C-alpha atoms as a PDB file:
ATOM      1  CA  LEU A   1       0.856 -11.396  63.237  1.00  0.00           C
ATOM      2  CA  THR A   2       0.643  -7.628  63.094  1.00  0.00           C
ATOM      3  CA  THR A   3       2.455  -7.175  59.767  1.00  0.00           C
ATOM      4  CA  PRO A   4       1.954 -10.395  57.806  1.00  0.00           C
ATOM      5  CA  THR A   5       3.792 -10.913  54.550  1.00  0.00           C
ATOM      6  CA  VAL A   6       1.434 -11.432  51.646  1.00  0.00           C
ATOM      7  CA  ALA A   7       2.140 -13.075  48.295  1.00  0.00           C
ATOM      8  CA  LEU A   8      -0.076 -12.500  45.298  1.00  0.00           C
ATOM      9  CA  ALA A   9      -0.652 -15.170  42.633  1.00  0.00           C
ATOM     10  CA  THR A  10      -2.666 -14.812  39.444  1.00  0.00           C
ATOM     11  CA  SER A  11      -4.401 -17.534  37.456  1.00  0.00           C
ATOM     12  CA  ASP A  12      -2.282 -16.774  34.379  1.00  0.00           C
ATOM     13  CA  PRO A  13       1.325 -18.045  34.532  1.00  0.00           C
ATOM     14  CA  ALA A  14       2.305 -15.392  31.979  1.00  0.00           C
ATOM     15  CA  ASP A  15       1.328 -12.496  34.259  1.00  0.00           C
ATOM     16  CA  THR A  16       3.927 -10.359  35.979  1.00  0.00           C
ATOM     17  CA  GLU A  17       3.330 -10.882  39.692  1.00  0.00           C
ATOM     18  CA  PRO A  18       4.638  -8.582  42.426  1.00  0.00           C
ATOM     19  CA  ALA A  19       7.121  -9.627  45.076  1.00  0.00           C
ATOM     20  CA  SER A  20       5.752 -10.616  48.473  1.00  0.00           C
ATOM     21  CA  GLN A  21       5.269  -7.602  50.723  1.00  0.00           C
ATOM     22  CA  SER A  22       4.420  -6.906  54.351  1.00  0.00           C
ATOM     23  CA  LEU A  23       1.155  -5.189  55.148  1.00  0.00           C
ATOM     24  CA  THR A  24       1.116  -1.823  56.823  1.00  0.00           C
ATOM     25  CA  ALA A  25      -1.829  -1.227  59.146  1.00  0.00           C
ATOM     26  CA  GLY A  26      -3.392  -4.285  57.558  1.00  0.00           C
ATOM     27  CA  THR A  27      -3.245  -3.081  53.950  1.00  0.00           C
ATOM     28  CA  ARG A  28      -0.923  -2.969  50.951  1.00  0.00           C
ATOM     29  CA  ASN A  29      -1.330  -1.967  47.321  1.00  0.00           C
ATOM     30  CA  PHE A  30      -0.075  -4.496  44.787  1.00  0.00           C
ATOM     31  CA  SER A  31       0.564  -4.060  41.073  1.00  0.00           C
ATOM     32  CA  VAL A  32      -0.071  -6.917  38.634  1.00  0.00           C
ATOM     33  CA  THR A  33       0.499  -6.850  34.870  1.00  0.00           C
ATOM     34  CA  ASN A  34      -1.993  -9.078  33.084  1.00  0.00           C
ATOM     35  CA  ILE A  35      -0.704 -10.605  29.847  1.00  0.00           C
ATOM     36  CA  THR A  36      -3.103 -13.172  28.414  1.00  0.00           C
ATOM     37  CA  ALA A  37      -6.681 -12.340  27.474  1.00  0.00           C
ATOM     38  CA  GLY A  38      -9.356 -14.372  29.225  1.00  0.00           C
ATOM     39  CA  THR A  39     -11.091 -14.827  32.565  1.00  0.00           C
ATOM     40  CA  ARG A  40      -8.685 -14.432  35.475  1.00  0.00           C
ATOM     41  CA  THR A  41      -8.468 -14.350  39.269  1.00  0.00           C
ATOM     42  CA  VAL A  42      -5.902 -13.034  41.740  1.00  0.00           C
ATOM     43  CA  THR A  43      -5.284 -14.842  45.034  1.00  0.00           C
ATOM     44  CA  PRO A  44      -3.417 -13.352  48.005  1.00  0.00           C
ATOM     45  CA  SER A  45      -1.929 -15.715  50.564  1.00  0.00           C
ATOM     46  CA  SER A  46      -0.048 -15.436  53.822  1.00  0.00           C
ATOM     47  CA  ALA A  47       1.217 -17.984  56.364  1.00  0.00           C
ATOM     48  CA  GLY A  48      -1.410 -18.587  58.972  1.00  0.00           C
ATOM     49  CA  TYR A  49      -4.201 -17.081  56.905  1.00  0.00           C
ATOM     50  CA  GLY A  50      -6.540 -18.698  54.409  1.00  0.00           C
ATOM     51  CA  ALA A  51      -6.207 -17.830  50.743  1.00  0.00           C
ATOM     52  CA  ASN A  52      -9.051 -15.781  49.348  1.00  0.00           C
ATOM     53  CA  ALA A  53      -9.352 -15.543  45.579  1.00  0.00           C
ATOM     54  CA  SER A  54     -10.753 -12.452  43.932  1.00  0.00           C
ATOM     55  CA  THR A  55     -13.914 -12.529  41.916  1.00  0.00           C
ATOM     56  CA  ASN A  56     -13.420 -13.376  38.240  1.00  0.00           C
ATOM     57  CA  PHE A  57     -12.427 -10.517  35.978  1.00  0.00           C
ATOM     58  CA  THR A  58     -11.858 -10.363  32.246  1.00  0.00           C
ATOM     59  CA  VAL A  59      -8.582  -9.399  30.587  1.00  0.00           C
ATOM     60  CA  ILE A  60      -9.132  -8.142  27.035  1.00  0.00           C
ATOM     61  CA  HIS A  61      -6.695  -7.782  24.166  1.00  0.00           C
ATOM     62  CA  ASN A  62      -4.712  -4.604  23.635  1.00  0.00           C
ATOM     63  CA  ALA A  63      -4.402  -2.664  20.358  1.00  0.00           C
ATOM     64  CA  ALA A  64      -3.318  -4.569  17.249  1.00  0.00           C
ATOM     65  CA  THR A  65       0.454  -4.413  16.732  1.00  0.00           C
ATOM     66  CA  GLN A  66       1.300  -7.483  14.650  1.00  0.00           C
ATOM     67  CA  MET A  67       0.081 -10.146  12.278  1.00  0.00           C
ATOM     68  CA  VAL A  68       1.088 -13.786  12.537  1.00  0.00           C
ATOM     69  CA  VAL A  69       0.882 -16.364   9.750  1.00  0.00           C
ATOM     70  CA  THR A  70      -0.723 -19.336  11.488  1.00  0.00           C
ATOM     71  CA  SER A  71      -0.950 -21.451   8.321  1.00  0.00           C
ATOM     72  CA  GLN A  72       1.868 -21.042   5.805  1.00  0.00           C
ATOM     73  CA  PRO A  73       1.581 -21.843   2.086  1.00  0.00           C
ATOM     74  CA  ALA A  74       2.734 -25.367   1.284  1.00  0.00           C
ATOM     75  CA  ALA A  75       6.465 -25.646   0.587  1.00  0.00           C
ATOM     76  CA  SER A  76       5.731 -26.698  -3.007  1.00  0.00           C
ATOM     77  CA  ILE A  77       2.656 -25.630  -4.974  1.00  0.00           C
ATOM     78  CA  ALA A  78       1.827 -26.315  -8.621  1.00  0.00           C
ATOM     79  CA  ALA A  79       1.398 -23.305 -10.892  1.00  0.00           C
ATOM     80  CA  GLY A  80      -2.269 -22.342 -10.911  1.00  0.00           C
ATOM     81  CA  ALA A  81      -3.038 -24.182  -7.662  1.00  0.00           C
ATOM     82  CA  GLU A  82      -4.579 -22.272  -4.782  1.00  0.00           C
ATOM     83  CA  ILE A  83      -2.376 -20.405  -2.307  1.00  0.00           C
ATOM     84  CA  ALA A  84      -4.225 -20.095   0.983  1.00  0.00           C
ATOM     85  CA  PRO A  85      -2.348 -18.714   3.988  1.00  0.00           C
ATOM     86  CA  VAL A  86      -4.140 -17.918   7.260  1.00  0.00           C
ATOM     87  CA  ILE A  87      -3.203 -14.957   9.449  1.00  0.00           C
ATOM     88  CA  GLU A  88      -4.172 -13.687  12.878  1.00  0.00           C
ATOM     89  CA  ILE A  89      -4.175 -10.051  13.967  1.00  0.00           C
ATOM     90  CA  ARG A  90      -2.674  -9.850  17.466  1.00  0.00           C
ATOM     91  CA  ASP A  91      -1.620  -7.374  20.132  1.00  0.00           C
ATOM     92  CA  VAL A  92       1.876  -6.906  21.508  1.00  0.00           C
ATOM     93  CA  TYR A  93       1.363  -9.783  23.954  1.00  0.00           C
ATOM     94  CA  GLY A  94       0.207 -12.211  21.282  1.00  0.00           C
ATOM     95  CA  ASN A  95      -3.488 -12.014  22.113  1.00  0.00           C
ATOM     96  CA  LEU A  96      -5.901 -12.383  19.219  1.00  0.00           C
ATOM     97  CA  VAL A  97      -7.573  -9.067  18.437  1.00  0.00           C
ATOM     98  CA  ASP A  98     -11.053 -10.510  18.098  1.00  0.00           C
ATOM     99  CA  THR A  99     -13.124  -7.387  18.744  1.00  0.00           C
ATOM    100  CA  GLY A 100     -13.098  -3.827  17.414  1.00  0.00           C
ATOM    101  CA  VAL A 101     -12.399  -2.435  13.961  1.00  0.00           C
ATOM    102  CA  ASP A 102      -9.114  -4.305  13.542  1.00  0.00           C
ATOM    103  CA  ALA A 103     -10.910  -7.623  14.077  1.00  0.00           C
ATOM    104  CA  THR A 104     -12.734  -7.008  10.789  1.00  0.00           C
ATOM    105  CA  ALA A 105      -9.961  -5.251   8.892  1.00  0.00           C
ATOM    106  CA  THR A 106      -9.284  -5.936   5.221  1.00  0.00           C
ATOM    107  CA  VAL A 107      -6.213  -8.108   4.564  1.00  0.00           C
ATOM    108  CA  THR A 108      -4.580  -8.183   1.124  1.00  0.00           C
ATOM    109  CA  MET A 109      -1.985 -10.566  -0.340  1.00  0.00           C
ATOM    110  CA  SER A 110       0.744  -9.350  -2.699  1.00  0.00           C
ATOM    111  CA  LEU A 111       3.732 -11.021  -4.358  1.00  0.00           C
ATOM    112  CA  ILE A 112       6.939  -9.392  -3.098  1.00  0.00           C
ATOM    113  CA  SER A 113       9.555 -11.935  -4.162  1.00  0.00           C
ATOM    114  CA  GLY A 114       9.711 -13.965  -7.365  1.00  0.00           C
ATOM    115  CA  THR A 115       8.382 -13.514 -10.883  1.00  0.00           C
ATOM    116  CA  GLY A 116       4.877 -13.967 -12.172  1.00  0.00           C
ATOM    117  CA  ALA A 117       1.490 -12.648 -11.147  1.00  0.00           C
ATOM    118  CA  LEU A 118      -0.578 -13.341  -8.048  1.00  0.00           C
ATOM    119  CA  ALA A 119      -4.076 -13.683  -9.473  1.00  0.00           C
ATOM    120  CA  GLY A 120      -7.532 -14.608  -8.227  1.00  0.00           C
ATOM    121  CA  THR A 121      -9.131 -13.149  -5.110  1.00  0.00           C
ATOM    122  CA  VAL A 122      -6.341 -11.664  -3.009  1.00  0.00           C
ATOM    123  CA  THR A 123      -8.350  -9.618  -0.477  1.00  0.00           C
ATOM    124  CA  LYS A 124     -10.232 -10.959   2.538  1.00  0.00           C
ATOM    125  CA  THR A 125     -12.080  -9.314   5.416  1.00  0.00           C
ATOM    126  CA  ALA A 126     -10.918 -10.698   8.740  1.00  0.00           C
ATOM    127  CA  VAL A 127     -13.489 -12.322  11.013  1.00  0.00           C
ATOM    128  CA  GLY A 128     -12.729 -12.132  14.711  1.00  0.00           C
ATOM    129  CA  GLY A 129      -9.149 -11.149  13.883  1.00  0.00           C
ATOM    130  CA  VAL A 130      -8.563 -14.111  11.559  1.00  0.00           C
ATOM    131  CA  ALA A 131      -8.224 -13.936   7.757  1.00  0.00           C
ATOM    132  CA  GLY A 132      -7.957 -17.178   5.794  1.00  0.00           C
ATOM    133  CA  PHE A 133      -7.684 -17.356   2.017  1.00  0.00           C
ATOM    134  CA  THR A 134      -8.883 -20.930   1.518  1.00  0.00           C
ATOM    135  CA  GLY A 135     -11.443 -21.246  -1.252  1.00  0.00           C
ATOM    136  CA  LEU A 136     -10.688 -17.878  -2.845  1.00  0.00           C
ATOM    137  CA  GLY A 137      -8.656 -19.294  -5.732  1.00  0.00           C
ATOM    138  CA  ALA A 138      -5.540 -17.127  -5.410  1.00  0.00           C
ATOM    139  CA  TYR A 139      -2.657 -18.535  -7.467  1.00  0.00           C
ATOM    140  CA  ILE A 140       0.687 -17.735  -9.131  1.00  0.00           C
ATOM    141  CA  ASP A 141       1.272 -18.525 -12.782  1.00  0.00           C
ATOM    142  CA  LEU A 142       5.069 -18.806 -13.136  1.00  0.00           C
ATOM    143  CA  ILE A 143       7.402 -21.331 -11.542  1.00  0.00           C
ATOM    144  CA  GLY A 144      10.145 -20.413  -9.086  1.00  0.00           C
ATOM    145  CA  THR A 145      10.652 -19.368  -5.472  1.00  0.00           C
ATOM    146  CA  LYS A 146       8.091 -16.864  -4.141  1.00  0.00           C
ATOM    147  CA  THR A 147       7.231 -14.900  -1.025  1.00  0.00           C
ATOM    148  CA  ILE A 148       3.871 -13.313  -0.284  1.00  0.00           C
ATOM    149  CA  ARG A 149       3.213 -10.265   1.874  1.00  0.00           C
ATOM    150  CA  LEU A 150      -0.075  -9.879   3.747  1.00  0.00           C
ATOM    151  CA  THR A 151      -1.152  -6.365   4.657  1.00  0.00           C
ATOM    152  CA  LYS A 152      -3.834  -5.305   7.123  1.00  0.00           C
ATOM    153  CA  ALA A 153      -5.404  -2.065   5.982  1.00  0.00           C
ATOM    154  CA  SER A 154      -5.177   0.973   8.246  1.00  0.00           C
ATOM    155  CA  THR A 155      -8.199   1.384  10.514  1.00  0.00           C
ATOM    156  CA  VAL A 156      -7.000   4.601  12.147  1.00  0.00           C
ATOM    157  CA  THR A 157      -9.971   6.626  10.975  1.00  0.00           C
ATOM    158  CA  GLY A 158     -12.287   4.150  12.680  1.00  0.00           C
ATOM    159  CA  GLY A 159     -10.332   4.140  15.934  1.00  0.00           C
ATOM    160  CA  GLY A 160      -8.029   1.233  15.081  1.00  0.00           C
ATOM    161  CA  THR A 161      -4.364   0.974  14.193  1.00  0.00           C
ATOM    162  CA  ALA A 162      -2.138   1.747  11.214  1.00  0.00           C
ATOM    163  CA  ALA A 163      -1.440  -0.764   8.454  1.00  0.00           C
ATOM    164  CA  LEU A 164       0.419  -3.926   9.484  1.00  0.00           C
ATOM    165  CA  THR A 165       2.326  -6.398   7.323  1.00  0.00           C
ATOM    166  CA  VAL A 166       3.734  -9.895   7.596  1.00  0.00           C
ATOM    167  CA  ASN A 167       5.550 -12.076   5.061  1.00  0.00           C
ATOM    168  CA  THR A 168       5.030 -15.769   4.465  1.00  0.00           C
ATOM    169  CA  ASN A 169       7.866 -18.240   4.334  1.00  0.00           C
ATOM    170  CA  SER A 170       9.379 -18.678   0.885  1.00  0.00           C
ATOM    171  CA  PHE A 171       7.767 -21.444  -1.164  1.00  0.00           C
ATOM    172  CA  LEU A 172       8.261 -23.018  -4.570  1.00  0.00           C
ATOM    173  CA  ILE A 173       5.862 -22.842  -7.498  1.00  0.00           C
ATOM    174  CA  THR A 174       6.381 -25.905  -9.702  1.00  0.00           C
ATOM    175  CA  HIS A 175       5.043 -26.681 -13.163  1.00  0.00           C
ATOM    176  CA  GLY A 176       1.696 -28.399 -13.427  1.00  0.00           C
ATOM    177  CA  PRO A 177       1.014 -31.494 -15.550  1.00  0.00           C
ATOM    178  CA  ALA A 178       1.769 -31.110 -19.267  1.00  0.00           C
ATOM    179  CA  ASN A 179      -1.340 -30.282 -21.288  1.00  0.00           C
ATOM    180  CA  THR A 180      -0.096 -28.873 -24.589  1.00  0.00           C
ATOM    181  CA  VAL A 181       2.725 -29.014 -27.129  1.00  0.00           C
ATOM    182  CA  ALA A 182       4.232 -25.654 -28.030  1.00  0.00           C
ATOM    183  CA  TRP A 183       6.382 -24.566 -30.971  1.00  0.00           C
ATOM    184  CA  THR A 184       9.723 -23.049 -30.024  1.00  0.00           C
ATOM    185  CA  THR A 185      10.881 -22.532 -33.640  1.00  0.00           C
ATOM    186  CA  HIS A 186       8.388 -22.414 -36.502  1.00  0.00           C
ATOM    187  CA  PRO A 187       9.278 -23.462 -40.072  1.00  0.00           C
ATOM    188  CA  ALA A 188      10.563 -20.597 -42.210  1.00  0.00           C
ATOM    189  CA  SER A 189       8.119 -19.249 -44.764  1.00  0.00           C
ATOM    190  CA  PRO A 190       8.580 -19.576 -47.593  1.00  0.00           C
ATOM    191  CA  THR A 191      10.455 -22.869 -47.532  1.00  0.00           C
ATOM    192  CA  GLY A 192      11.679 -24.299 -50.821  1.00  0.00           C
ATOM    193  CA  ALA A 193      10.450 -27.699 -52.029  1.00  0.00           C
ATOM    194  CA  GLY A 194      12.839 -30.434 -50.951  1.00  0.00           C
ATOM    195  CA  GLN A 195      14.384 -28.190 -48.308  1.00  0.00           C
ATOM    196  CA  THR A 196      14.854 -29.657 -44.830  1.00  0.00           C
ATOM    197  CA  PHE A 197      13.984 -27.541 -41.824  1.00  0.00           C
ATOM    198  CA  ASN A 198      14.655 -28.177 -38.135  1.00  0.00           C
END
């Protein structure tokens, strides 16, 4: 064969592979778009010729463009109980941003829907692009339907990306177990002897 047709296959099914092309004078440039971070190879093949895989090469994540809530708050949480979502900082292709300044960015929770206050520790430094709030004691005091926003601080001055946000699913804060009796209407003062109050 003087102009064999060559197909190129990568080790990542998510990659964008080029169409098969004929060689010219025994050569051809191919363009591959790598998608998923990790160790990869590229293997050309052609009828009548043995396949010959490339050496391993590493695909790294791109710049941070999104946050994903990988562990949502429970659908129903008692007032005062811990709220502990987990987020990942990812690039446009969904790769975890596990290196660089965005991998250790500060992530802050805030209440954006529903009444009450989000109290406790609401800020966490990401580790390897992951920020989990378990064990920090964040909670909401009033019952009702709530939504929390998580915000990654801007890291532009350190060579990273602008602030990013993501919202949790809505969840319900319910009352906790009864632990006190409260007056709703106190007796009038003064109250005359023999007078009934309710």
